[in-house]
Amino acid sequence: MTSGGDSVTSGKAGFRLGPWASIALVTVPVVLVNATSDLIEMNRSGLRVHPAEPFIWEISSALVLVLMAPLVGWAVKRWPLRGGALPMALLIHAALTVPFSLAHVGVMVPLRELAYLPTPWEYDFFTGGLWMTLIYEWRKDLITYAIFAGVYSLYAWWQARETAPAPSPAGPQRIEVRTSSRTIFLMPGEILYLESAGNYVTLHTAAGSHLVRATLSDWAKRLSAAGTSMTDQDKSGQIGTVSAPGSDFVRIHRSRIVNRHHIRETRSTASGDFELILSDGTALTGSRRFRSALG
C-alpha cells in the first residue's frame, strides 16, 4: 500500500514500512513484555490473577492506541513539529493529548468489560477513583502520543527528503574574454569556433572575432569549466580525452575547435580530410585524424 503512508517501495531502499505499520509491528513485542511483566509483579505482590488477565488489559489498550495512531499522524500533518511555528504546534499537541487519552479510556474500558463477560473474574477499572485513574492514564497516554508524533514527524521528514526534486544542473556560465583593449563576456553558445595561431587564439562569433593571448588547450579547459562538454580526440584516441558524443565543442584540427551546435553541413574532400559549413556560412577544413570526434 502507498496511500496513507502505510508502506512504500523505493528503487533504492526497496520495501519499507510506513509509520502506522511500524507502530503496529512494534506494539506486538511491547504488549508481550508488558503483560508478562504485569503478571510477574502481581505474583510477587501476592495478588491472585488469572494469567490471561494481563494480556486482556494490554491487548485492549494497545489495540485502541494503534487504531488511534493515524489521528496523531493527521494532527502532525496539520500542525507540523518544525519551523518557526514549533512552539504553537507543541501547545496544540499537548492540548490534544487530553481528548486522545479520554478516547483511549472510553473505548478500552468497554472492550475489557466485554472480554470479561464470559469469565467468572471481576473487573473494575476505576477502583482508585475516577479522576485519579484518568490522570494516571493521561500520564501514560502523553508519552504514547509523543512517541506517535515523533514517528509520524520522522517519516514525513524522510519522505520529503526522498521525494525532493534533484537540483537542476547549472547551465553554461558566461566566459570572460580579455583582449588588448577591452573585456567582454560571452556565453559559450555564442562562439562559432576557435582557431589558434602560436600563443594566440581567435574566438569567432556571429558578431565578430576576438584575439586573446592563450593556447587552444587552455581554452578547451575554460569551456569545460564554464559548463560545456568537450570532445578532444583524434581517430586513434591519442589526443585529449575520451570521446563524448553530443559534446558542445569538438576539435576538428590541431588548431581548431568548433561549436557542434553551429555545424550545418559536413563534406568529404578528395584528400580524405573533411570540410564543415557553419551556421554563418563559414567553411572550415578538418583533419581526417579528428573525424571520429564528430560522432
C-alpha atoms as a PDB file:
ATOM      1  CA  MET A   1       0.000   0.000   0.000  1.00  0.00           C
ATOM      2  CA  THR A   2       1.104   3.511  -0.687  1.00  0.00           C
ATOM      3  CA  SER A   3      -1.939   5.573   0.330  1.00  0.00           C
ATOM      4  CA  GLY A   4      -1.908   6.998   3.831  1.00  0.00           C
ATOM      5  CA  GLY A   5       1.787   6.269   4.196  1.00  0.00           C
ATOM      6  CA  ASP A   6       1.302   2.635   5.243  1.00  0.00           C
ATOM      7  CA  SER A   7       4.186   1.329   3.183  1.00  0.00           C
ATOM      8  CA  VAL A   8       6.275   2.356   0.240  1.00  0.00           C
ATOM      9  CA  THR A   9       8.535   0.784  -2.341  1.00  0.00           C
ATOM     10  CA  SER A  10      11.672   2.592  -3.451  1.00  0.00           C
ATOM     11  CA  GLY A  11      14.212   1.665  -6.095  1.00  0.00           C
ATOM     12  CA  LYS A  12      16.989   2.361  -3.587  1.00  0.00           C
ATOM     13  CA  ALA A  13      15.542   1.223  -0.296  1.00  0.00           C
ATOM     14  CA  GLY A  14      13.146  -1.473  -1.504  1.00  0.00           C
ATOM     15  CA  PHE A  15      10.140  -2.251   0.705  1.00  0.00           C
ATOM     16  CA  ARG A  16       9.797  -0.096   3.797  1.00  0.00           C
ATOM     17  CA  LEU A  17       7.085   0.034   6.442  1.00  0.00           C
ATOM     18  CA  GLY A  18       5.135   3.266   6.855  1.00  0.00           C
ATOM     19  CA  PRO A  19       4.543   4.945  10.241  1.00  0.00           C
ATOM     20  CA  TRP A  20       1.275   3.204  11.129  1.00  0.00           C
ATOM     21  CA  ALA A  21       2.543  -0.251  10.155  1.00  0.00           C
ATOM     22  CA  SER A  22       5.773   0.379  12.093  1.00  0.00           C
ATOM     23  CA  ILE A  23       3.812   1.354  15.199  1.00  0.00           C
ATOM     24  CA  ALA A  24       1.581  -1.726  14.897  1.00  0.00           C
ATOM     25  CA  LEU A  25       4.569  -4.020  14.436  1.00  0.00           C
ATOM     26  CA  VAL A  26       6.482  -2.638  17.415  1.00  0.00           C
ATOM     27  CA  THR A  27       3.347  -2.835  19.561  1.00  0.00           C
ATOM     28  CA  VAL A  28       3.332  -6.653  19.450  1.00  0.00           C
ATOM     29  CA  PRO A  29       6.538  -7.220  21.475  1.00  0.00           C
ATOM     30  CA  VAL A  30       5.602  -4.292  23.757  1.00  0.00           C
ATOM     31  CA  VAL A  31       2.318  -5.996  24.621  1.00  0.00           C
ATOM     32  CA  LEU A  32       4.088  -9.274  25.330  1.00  0.00           C
ATOM     33  CA  VAL A  33       6.684  -7.634  27.574  1.00  0.00           C
ATOM     34  CA  ASN A  34       4.136  -5.520  29.464  1.00  0.00           C
ATOM     35  CA  ALA A  35       1.692  -8.384  30.003  1.00  0.00           C
ATOM     36  CA  THR A  36       4.333 -10.783  31.302  1.00  0.00           C
ATOM     37  CA  SER A  37       5.819  -8.031  33.480  1.00  0.00           C
ATOM     38  CA  ASP A  38       2.382  -7.308  34.975  1.00  0.00           C
ATOM     39  CA  LEU A  39       1.891 -10.979  35.684  1.00  0.00           C
ATOM     40  CA  ILE A  40       5.302 -11.359  37.353  1.00  0.00           C
ATOM     41  CA  GLU A  41       4.888  -8.229  39.502  1.00  0.00           C
ATOM     42  CA  MET A  42       1.399  -9.179  40.652  1.00  0.00           C
ATOM     43  CA  ASN A  43       2.516 -12.683  41.609  1.00  0.00           C
ATOM     44  CA  ARG A  44       5.414 -11.187  43.587  1.00  0.00           C
ATOM     45  CA  SER A  45       2.950  -8.893  45.375  1.00  0.00           C
ATOM     46  CA  GLY A  46       0.709 -11.823  46.281  1.00  0.00           C
ATOM     47  CA  LEU A  47      -2.167 -10.664  44.054  1.00  0.00           C
ATOM     48  CA  ARG A  48      -4.054 -13.560  42.519  1.00  0.00           C
ATOM     49  CA  VAL A  49      -4.931 -13.018  38.853  1.00  0.00           C
ATOM     50  CA  HIS A  50      -5.561 -15.372  36.007  1.00  0.00           C
ATOM     51  CA  PRO A  51      -2.575 -15.456  33.576  1.00  0.00           C
ATOM     52  CA  ALA A  52      -4.890 -14.320  30.775  1.00  0.00           C
ATOM     53  CA  GLU A  53      -5.966 -11.101  32.513  1.00  0.00           C
ATOM     54  CA  PRO A  54      -2.782  -9.063  31.955  1.00  0.00           C
ATOM     55  CA  PHE A  55      -2.986  -9.962  28.270  1.00  0.00           C
ATOM     56  CA  ILE A  56      -6.599  -8.737  28.108  1.00  0.00           C
ATOM     57  CA  TRP A  57      -5.541  -5.421  29.664  1.00  0.00           C
ATOM     58  CA  GLU A  58      -2.530  -4.877  27.424  1.00  0.00           C
ATOM     59  CA  ILE A  59      -4.092  -6.085  24.162  1.00  0.00           C
ATOM     60  CA  SER A  60      -7.237  -3.973  24.614  1.00  0.00           C
ATOM     61  CA  SER A  61      -5.178  -0.871  25.404  1.00  0.00           C
ATOM     62  CA  ALA A  62      -2.712  -1.415  22.549  1.00  0.00           C
ATOM     63  CA  LEU A  63      -5.477  -2.141  20.038  1.00  0.00           C
ATOM     64  CA  VAL A  64      -7.215   1.167  20.747  1.00  0.00           C
ATOM     65  CA  LEU A  65      -3.941   3.118  20.669  1.00  0.00           C
ATOM     66  CA  VAL A  66      -2.835   1.594  17.370  1.00  0.00           C
ATOM     67  CA  LEU A  67      -6.213   2.365  15.802  1.00  0.00           C
ATOM     68  CA  MET A  68      -5.929   5.963  17.042  1.00  0.00           C
ATOM     69  CA  ALA A  69      -2.370   6.443  15.792  1.00  0.00           C
ATOM     70  CA  PRO A  70      -3.463   7.764  12.327  1.00  0.00           C
ATOM     71  CA  LEU A  71      -5.312  10.577  14.142  1.00  0.00           C
ATOM     72  CA  VAL A  72      -1.983  11.643  15.628  1.00  0.00           C
ATOM     73  CA  GLY A  73      -0.493  11.417  12.143  1.00  0.00           C
ATOM     74  CA  TRP A  74      -3.221  13.742  10.834  1.00  0.00           C
ATOM     75  CA  ALA A  75      -2.547  16.192  13.690  1.00  0.00           C
ATOM     76  CA  VAL A  76       1.183  16.166  12.933  1.00  0.00           C
ATOM     77  CA  LYS A  77       0.456  16.891   9.280  1.00  0.00           C
ATOM     78  CA  ARG A  78      -1.925  19.703  10.256  1.00  0.00           C
ATOM     79  CA  TRP A  79       0.449  21.205  12.841  1.00  0.00           C
ATOM     80  CA  PRO A  80       3.992  20.118  11.860  1.00  0.00           C
ATOM     81  CA  LEU A  81       6.566  19.923  14.620  1.00  0.00           C
ATOM     82  CA  ARG A  82       9.158  22.022  12.831  1.00  0.00           C
ATOM     83  CA  GLY A  83       9.940  25.527  11.723  1.00  0.00           C
ATOM     84  CA  GLY A  84       9.057  28.818  13.330  1.00  0.00           C
ATOM     85  CA  ALA A  85       5.593  27.591  14.367  1.00  0.00           C
ATOM     86  CA  LEU A  86       7.054  24.860  16.592  1.00  0.00           C
ATOM     87  CA  PRO A  87       6.155  26.476  19.981  1.00  0.00           C
ATOM     88  CA  MET A  88       2.493  26.874  18.974  1.00  0.00           C
ATOM     89  CA  ALA A  89       2.424  23.356  17.497  1.00  0.00           C
ATOM     90  CA  LEU A  90       3.768  21.931  20.766  1.00  0.00           C
ATOM     91  CA  LEU A  91       0.994  23.665  22.722  1.00  0.00           C
ATOM     92  CA  ILE A  92      -1.671  22.351  20.353  1.00  0.00           C
ATOM     93  CA  HIS A  93      -0.363  18.796  20.524  1.00  0.00           C
ATOM     94  CA  ALA A  94      -0.097  18.992  24.306  1.00  0.00           C
ATOM     95  CA  ALA A  95      -3.778  20.002  24.437  1.00  0.00           C
ATOM     96  CA  LEU A  96      -4.718  17.171  22.056  1.00  0.00           C
ATOM     97  CA  THR A  97      -3.312  14.590  24.482  1.00  0.00           C
ATOM     98  CA  VAL A  98      -6.343  15.158  26.733  1.00  0.00           C
ATOM     99  CA  PRO A  99      -9.046  14.057  24.238  1.00  0.00           C
ATOM    100  CA  PHE A 100      -6.617  11.422  22.994  1.00  0.00           C
ATOM    101  CA  SER A 101      -6.416   9.904  26.481  1.00  0.00           C
ATOM    102  CA  LEU A 102     -10.158  10.220  27.141  1.00  0.00           C
ATOM    103  CA  ALA A 103     -10.931   8.450  23.839  1.00  0.00           C
ATOM    104  CA  HIS A 104      -8.406   5.751  24.704  1.00  0.00           C
ATOM    105  CA  VAL A 105     -10.029   5.084  28.068  1.00  0.00           C
ATOM    106  CA  GLY A 106     -13.554   5.465  26.680  1.00  0.00           C
ATOM    107  CA  VAL A 107     -13.060   2.661  24.159  1.00  0.00           C
ATOM    108  CA  MET A 108     -10.597   0.496  26.078  1.00  0.00           C
ATOM    109  CA  VAL A 109     -12.752   0.013  29.214  1.00  0.00           C
ATOM    110  CA  PRO A 110     -15.848  -1.298  27.358  1.00  0.00           C
ATOM    111  CA  LEU A 111     -13.596  -3.672  25.406  1.00  0.00           C
ATOM    112  CA  ARG A 112     -12.185  -5.073  28.628  1.00  0.00           C
ATOM    113  CA  GLU A 113     -15.609  -5.414  30.208  1.00  0.00           C
ATOM    114  CA  LEU A 114     -16.794  -7.206  27.088  1.00  0.00           C
ATOM    115  CA  ALA A 115     -13.822  -9.594  27.317  1.00  0.00           C
ATOM    116  CA  TYR A 116     -14.624 -10.285  30.979  1.00  0.00           C
ATOM    117  CA  LEU A 117     -18.316 -11.134  30.365  1.00  0.00           C
ATOM    118  CA  PRO A 118     -17.849 -14.861  29.626  1.00  0.00           C
ATOM    119  CA  THR A 119     -15.425 -15.283  32.571  1.00  0.00           C
ATOM    120  CA  PRO A 120     -16.045 -15.565  36.328  1.00  0.00           C
ATOM    121  CA  TRP A 121     -13.458 -12.848  37.024  1.00  0.00           C
ATOM    122  CA  GLU A 122     -14.329  -9.376  38.220  1.00  0.00           C
ATOM    123  CA  TYR A 123     -13.035  -6.186  36.648  1.00  0.00           C
ATOM    124  CA  ASP A 124     -13.274  -2.634  37.974  1.00  0.00           C
ATOM    125  CA  PHE A 125     -11.122  -0.107  36.084  1.00  0.00           C
ATOM    126  CA  PHE A 126     -11.941   2.843  38.367  1.00  0.00           C
ATOM    127  CA  THR A 127     -11.029   1.206  41.660  1.00  0.00           C
ATOM    128  CA  GLY A 128      -8.674   4.051  42.549  1.00  0.00           C
ATOM    129  CA  GLY A 129     -11.276   6.729  41.842  1.00  0.00           C
ATOM    130  CA  LEU A 130     -12.415   8.318  38.583  1.00  0.00           C
ATOM    131  CA  TRP A 131     -10.151  11.370  38.500  1.00  0.00           C
ATOM    132  CA  MET A 132      -7.032   9.705  39.832  1.00  0.00           C
ATOM    133  CA  THR A 133      -7.447   6.901  37.293  1.00  0.00           C
ATOM    134  CA  LEU A 134      -7.936   9.348  34.426  1.00  0.00           C
ATOM    135  CA  ILE A 135      -4.876  11.359  35.452  1.00  0.00           C
ATOM    136  CA  TYR A 136      -2.845   8.154  35.749  1.00  0.00           C
ATOM    137  CA  GLU A 137      -3.898   7.078  32.234  1.00  0.00           C
ATOM    138  CA  TRP A 138      -3.314  10.560  30.774  1.00  0.00           C
ATOM    139  CA  ARG A 139       0.257  10.478  32.094  1.00  0.00           C
ATOM    140  CA  LYS A 140       0.938   7.290  30.143  1.00  0.00           C
ATOM    141  CA  ASP A 141      -1.006   8.424  27.074  1.00  0.00           C
ATOM    142  CA  LEU A 142       1.010  11.652  26.992  1.00  0.00           C
ATOM    143  CA  ILE A 143       4.157   9.604  26.422  1.00  0.00           C
ATOM    144  CA  THR A 144       2.418   7.416  23.846  1.00  0.00           C
ATOM    145  CA  TYR A 145       1.150  10.462  21.938  1.00  0.00           C
ATOM    146  CA  ALA A 146       4.669  11.932  21.922  1.00  0.00           C
ATOM    147  CA  ILE A 147       6.087   8.691  20.511  1.00  0.00           C
ATOM    148  CA  PHE A 148       3.430   8.538  17.797  1.00  0.00           C
ATOM    149  CA  ALA A 149       4.003  12.195  16.892  1.00  0.00           C
ATOM    150  CA  GLY A 150       7.739  11.572  16.705  1.00  0.00           C
ATOM    151  CA  VAL A 151       7.284   8.576  14.404  1.00  0.00           C
ATOM    152  CA  TYR A 152       4.992  10.458  12.029  1.00  0.00           C
ATOM    153  CA  SER A 153       7.237  13.535  12.047  1.00  0.00           C
ATOM    154  CA  LEU A 154      10.309  11.448  11.277  1.00  0.00           C
ATOM    155  CA  TYR A 155       8.534   9.657   8.467  1.00  0.00           C
ATOM    156  CA  ALA A 156       7.288  12.956   6.973  1.00  0.00           C
ATOM    157  CA  TRP A 157      10.844  14.322   7.064  1.00  0.00           C
ATOM    158  CA  TRP A 158      12.256  11.205   5.430  1.00  0.00           C
ATOM    159  CA  GLN A 159       9.565  11.118   2.756  1.00  0.00           C
ATOM    160  CA  ALA A 160      10.121  14.790   1.910  1.00  0.00           C
ATOM    161  CA  ARG A 161      13.846  14.134   1.685  1.00  0.00           C
ATOM    162  CA  GLU A 162      13.361  11.246  -0.739  1.00  0.00           C
ATOM    163  CA  THR A 163      10.780  12.951  -2.946  1.00  0.00           C
ATOM    164  CA  ALA A 164      12.548  16.319  -3.141  1.00  0.00           C
ATOM    165  CA  PRO A 165      13.407  17.108  -6.778  1.00  0.00           C
ATOM    166  CA  ALA A 166      17.060  16.819  -7.668  1.00  0.00           C
ATOM    167  CA  PRO A 167      18.738  20.180  -8.141  1.00  0.00           C
ATOM    168  CA  SER A 168      18.798  21.242 -11.762  1.00  0.00           C
ATOM    169  CA  PRO A 169      22.249  21.173 -13.286  1.00  0.00           C
ATOM    170  CA  ALA A 170      23.680  24.624 -13.685  1.00  0.00           C
ATOM    171  CA  GLY A 171      23.598  25.956 -17.204  1.00  0.00           C
ATOM    172  CA  PRO A 172      26.674  27.177 -19.066  1.00  0.00           C
ATOM    173  CA  GLN A 173      28.338  30.161 -17.435  1.00  0.00           C
ATOM    174  CA  ARG A 174      29.464  33.326 -19.159  1.00  0.00           C
ATOM    175  CA  ILE A 175      33.102  33.399 -20.220  1.00  0.00           C
ATOM    176  CA  GLU A 176      35.243  36.469 -19.655  1.00  0.00           C
ATOM    177  CA  VAL A 177      37.281  37.382 -22.724  1.00  0.00           C
ATOM    178  CA  ARG A 178      40.055  39.940 -22.255  1.00  0.00           C
ATOM    179  CA  THR A 179      41.518  41.449 -25.398  1.00  0.00           C
ATOM    180  CA  SER A 180      44.211  44.104 -25.612  1.00  0.00           C
ATOM    181  CA  SER A 181      41.742  46.968 -25.264  1.00  0.00           C
ATOM    182  CA  ARG A 182      38.602  45.670 -23.545  1.00  0.00           C
ATOM    183  CA  THR A 183      36.901  42.897 -21.615  1.00  0.00           C
ATOM    184  CA  ILE A 184      33.751  41.256 -22.952  1.00  0.00           C
ATOM    185  CA  PHE A 185      31.559  38.422 -21.695  1.00  0.00           C
ATOM    186  CA  LEU A 186      30.339  35.653 -23.963  1.00  0.00           C
ATOM    187  CA  MET A 187      28.012  32.720 -23.472  1.00  0.00           C
ATOM    188  CA  PRO A 188      29.657  29.527 -24.798  1.00  0.00           C
ATOM    189  CA  GLY A 189      26.823  29.124 -27.304  1.00  0.00           C
ATOM    190  CA  GLU A 190      27.775  32.411 -28.970  1.00  0.00           C
ATOM    191  CA  ILE A 191      31.169  31.046 -30.018  1.00  0.00           C
ATOM    192  CA  LEU A 192      31.162  29.573 -33.536  1.00  0.00           C
ATOM    193  CA  TYR A 193      34.709  28.254 -33.463  1.00  0.00           C
ATOM    194  CA  LEU A 194      38.164  28.891 -32.019  1.00  0.00           C
ATOM    195  CA  GLU A 195      41.358  28.949 -34.033  1.00  0.00           C
ATOM    196  CA  SER A 196      44.903  29.031 -32.700  1.00  0.00           C
ATOM    197  CA  ALA A 197      47.963  30.779 -34.086  1.00  0.00           C
ATOM    198  CA  GLY A 198      51.013  30.243 -31.902  1.00  0.00           C
ATOM    199  CA  ASN A 199      50.341  31.659 -28.450  1.00  0.00           C
ATOM    200  CA  TYR A 200      47.129  33.349 -29.551  1.00  0.00           C
ATOM    201  CA  VAL A 201      43.571  32.124 -30.038  1.00  0.00           C
ATOM    202  CA  THR A 202      40.905  33.811 -32.113  1.00  0.00           C
ATOM    203  CA  LEU A 203      37.318  33.409 -30.913  1.00  0.00           C
ATOM    204  CA  HIS A 204      34.895  33.732 -33.800  1.00  0.00           C
ATOM    205  CA  THR A 205      31.268  34.738 -33.092  1.00  0.00           C
ATOM    206  CA  ALA A 206      28.451  35.884 -35.339  1.00  0.00           C
ATOM    207  CA  ALA A 207      29.115  39.441 -34.145  1.00  0.00           C
ATOM    208  CA  GLY A 208      32.845  39.418 -34.786  1.00  0.00           C
ATOM    209  CA  SER A 209      36.231  37.963 -33.777  1.00  0.00           C
ATOM    210  CA  HIS A 210      38.312  38.401 -30.633  1.00  0.00           C
ATOM    211  CA  LEU A 211      42.054  37.759 -30.411  1.00  0.00           C
ATOM    212  CA  VAL A 212      43.322  36.679 -26.999  1.00  0.00           C
ATOM    213  CA  ARG A 213      46.712  35.550 -25.749  1.00  0.00           C
ATOM    214  CA  ALA A 214      46.287  31.872 -24.784  1.00  0.00           C
ATOM    215  CA  THR A 215      46.606  28.367 -26.175  1.00  0.00           C
ATOM    216  CA  LEU A 216      43.833  26.252 -27.646  1.00  0.00           C
ATOM    217  CA  SER A 217      44.274  23.705 -24.848  1.00  0.00           C
ATOM    218  CA  ASP A 218      43.769  26.465 -22.271  1.00  0.00           C
ATOM    219  CA  TRP A 219      40.510  27.422 -23.934  1.00  0.00           C
ATOM    220  CA  ALA A 220      39.332  23.829 -24.072  1.00  0.00           C
ATOM    221  CA  LYS A 221      39.708  23.764 -20.270  1.00  0.00           C
ATOM    222  CA  ARG A 222      37.924  27.101 -19.892  1.00  0.00           C
ATOM    223  CA  LEU A 223      34.968  25.883 -21.944  1.00  0.00           C
ATOM    224  CA  SER A 224      34.689  22.776 -19.759  1.00  0.00           C
ATOM    225  CA  ALA A 225      34.868  24.892 -16.589  1.00  0.00           C
ATOM    226  CA  ALA A 226      32.063  27.098 -17.948  1.00  0.00           C
ATOM    227  CA  GLY A 227      29.667  24.148 -18.014  1.00  0.00           C
ATOM    228  CA  THR A 228      30.106  22.837 -21.547  1.00  0.00           C
ATOM    229  CA  SER A 229      31.388  19.447 -22.638  1.00  0.00           C
ATOM    230  CA  MET A 230      34.343  18.895 -24.892  1.00  0.00           C
ATOM    231  CA  THR A 231      35.338  16.166 -27.331  1.00  0.00           C
ATOM    232  CA  ASP A 232      39.070  16.307 -27.936  1.00  0.00           C
ATOM    233  CA  GLN A 233      40.203  13.093 -29.595  1.00  0.00           C
ATOM    234  CA  ASP A 234      41.642  12.001 -32.856  1.00  0.00           C
ATOM    235  CA  LYS A 235      40.832   8.776 -34.712  1.00  0.00           C
ATOM    236  CA  SER A 236      43.495   6.867 -32.827  1.00  0.00           C
ATOM    237  CA  GLY A 237      42.396   8.192 -29.437  1.00  0.00           C
ATOM    238  CA  GLN A 238      45.844   9.652 -28.749  1.00  0.00           C
ATOM    239  CA  ILE A 239      44.926  13.312 -28.347  1.00  0.00           C
ATOM    240  CA  GLY A 240      42.956  14.733 -25.450  1.00  0.00           C
ATOM    241  CA  THR A 241      40.246  12.987 -23.503  1.00  0.00           C
ATOM    242  CA  VAL A 242      37.786  10.225 -24.214  1.00  0.00           C
ATOM    243  CA  SER A 243      35.293  10.948 -26.961  1.00  0.00           C
ATOM    244  CA  ALA A 244      31.975  12.313 -25.729  1.00  0.00           C
ATOM    245  CA  PRO A 245      29.219  12.133 -28.378  1.00  0.00           C
ATOM    246  CA  GLY A 246      26.850  15.081 -28.092  1.00  0.00           C
ATOM    247  CA  SER A 247      29.500  17.401 -26.651  1.00  0.00           C
ATOM    248  CA  ASP A 248      29.128  21.148 -27.217  1.00  0.00           C
ATOM    249  CA  PHE A 249      32.612  21.703 -28.627  1.00  0.00           C
ATOM    250  CA  VAL A 250      34.678  19.364 -30.764  1.00  0.00           C
ATOM    251  CA  ARG A 251      38.261  19.560 -32.016  1.00  0.00           C
ATOM    252  CA  ILE A 252      38.400  19.146 -35.798  1.00  0.00           C
ATOM    253  CA  HIS A 253      42.042  20.107 -36.293  1.00  0.00           C
ATOM    254  CA  ARG A 254      45.122  20.622 -34.150  1.00  0.00           C
ATOM    255  CA  SER A 255      44.436  24.350 -34.423  1.00  0.00           C
ATOM    256  CA  ARG A 256      40.616  24.466 -34.477  1.00  0.00           C
ATOM    257  CA  ILE A 257      37.756  23.775 -32.076  1.00  0.00           C
ATOM    258  CA  VAL A 258      34.180  24.090 -33.359  1.00  0.00           C
ATOM    259  CA  ASN A 259      30.856  24.554 -31.598  1.00  0.00           C
ATOM    260  CA  ARG A 260      28.968  21.432 -32.645  1.00  0.00           C
ATOM    261  CA  HIS A 261      25.613  23.262 -32.489  1.00  0.00           C
ATOM    262  CA  HIS A 262      26.697  25.619 -35.280  1.00  0.00           C
ATOM    263  CA  ILE A 263      27.693  22.865 -37.735  1.00  0.00           C
ATOM    264  CA  ARG A 264      25.219  22.838 -40.632  1.00  0.00           C
ATOM    265  CA  GLU A 265      26.956  20.576 -43.146  1.00  0.00           C
ATOM    266  CA  THR A 266      29.848  18.115 -43.383  1.00  0.00           C
ATOM    267  CA  ARG A 267      31.640  17.390 -46.675  1.00  0.00           C
ATOM    268  CA  SER A 268      34.394  14.940 -47.525  1.00  0.00           C
ATOM    269  CA  THR A 269      37.380  16.100 -49.557  1.00  0.00           C
ATOM    270  CA  ALA A 270      39.474  14.276 -52.129  1.00  0.00           C
ATOM    271  CA  SER A 271      42.440  14.203 -49.744  1.00  0.00           C
ATOM    272  CA  GLY A 272      40.468  12.249 -47.120  1.00  0.00           C
ATOM    273  CA  ASP A 273      40.019  15.258 -44.859  1.00  0.00           C
ATOM    274  CA  PHE A 274      36.633  16.941 -44.424  1.00  0.00           C
ATOM    275  CA  GLU A 275      35.045  20.357 -44.577  1.00  0.00           C
ATOM    276  CA  LEU A 276      32.440  21.879 -42.288  1.00  0.00           C
ATOM    277  CA  ILE A 277      29.938  24.577 -43.147  1.00  0.00           C
ATOM    278  CA  LEU A 278      28.874  26.602 -40.093  1.00  0.00           C
ATOM    279  CA  SER A 279      25.642  28.441 -39.395  1.00  0.00           C
ATOM    280  CA  ASP A 280      27.104  31.747 -40.607  1.00  0.00           C
ATOM    281  CA  GLY A 281      28.346  30.165 -43.865  1.00  0.00           C
ATOM    282  CA  THR A 282      31.998  29.843 -42.792  1.00  0.00           C
ATOM    283  CA  ALA A 283      33.796  26.842 -44.328  1.00  0.00           C
ATOM    284  CA  LEU A 284      36.424  25.135 -42.155  1.00  0.00           C
ATOM    285  CA  THR A 285      38.786  22.320 -43.022  1.00  0.00           C
ATOM    286  CA  GLY A 286      39.079  19.448 -40.592  1.00  0.00           C
ATOM    287  CA  SER A 287      41.795  16.810 -40.337  1.00  0.00           C
ATOM    288  CA  ARG A 288      40.949  13.162 -41.006  1.00  0.00           C
ATOM    289  CA  ARG A 289      42.601  12.313 -37.651  1.00  0.00           C
ATOM    290  CA  PHE A 290      39.778  14.109 -35.839  1.00  0.00           C
ATOM    291  CA  ARG A 291      36.830  12.961 -37.968  1.00  0.00           C
ATOM    292  CA  SER A 292      35.744  10.326 -35.425  1.00  0.00           C
ATOM    293  CA  ALA A 293      35.270  13.058 -32.840  1.00  0.00           C
ATOM    294  CA  LEU A 294      32.256  14.333 -34.801  1.00  0.00           C
ATOM    295  CA  GLY A 295      30.383  11.129 -33.866  1.00  0.00           C
END
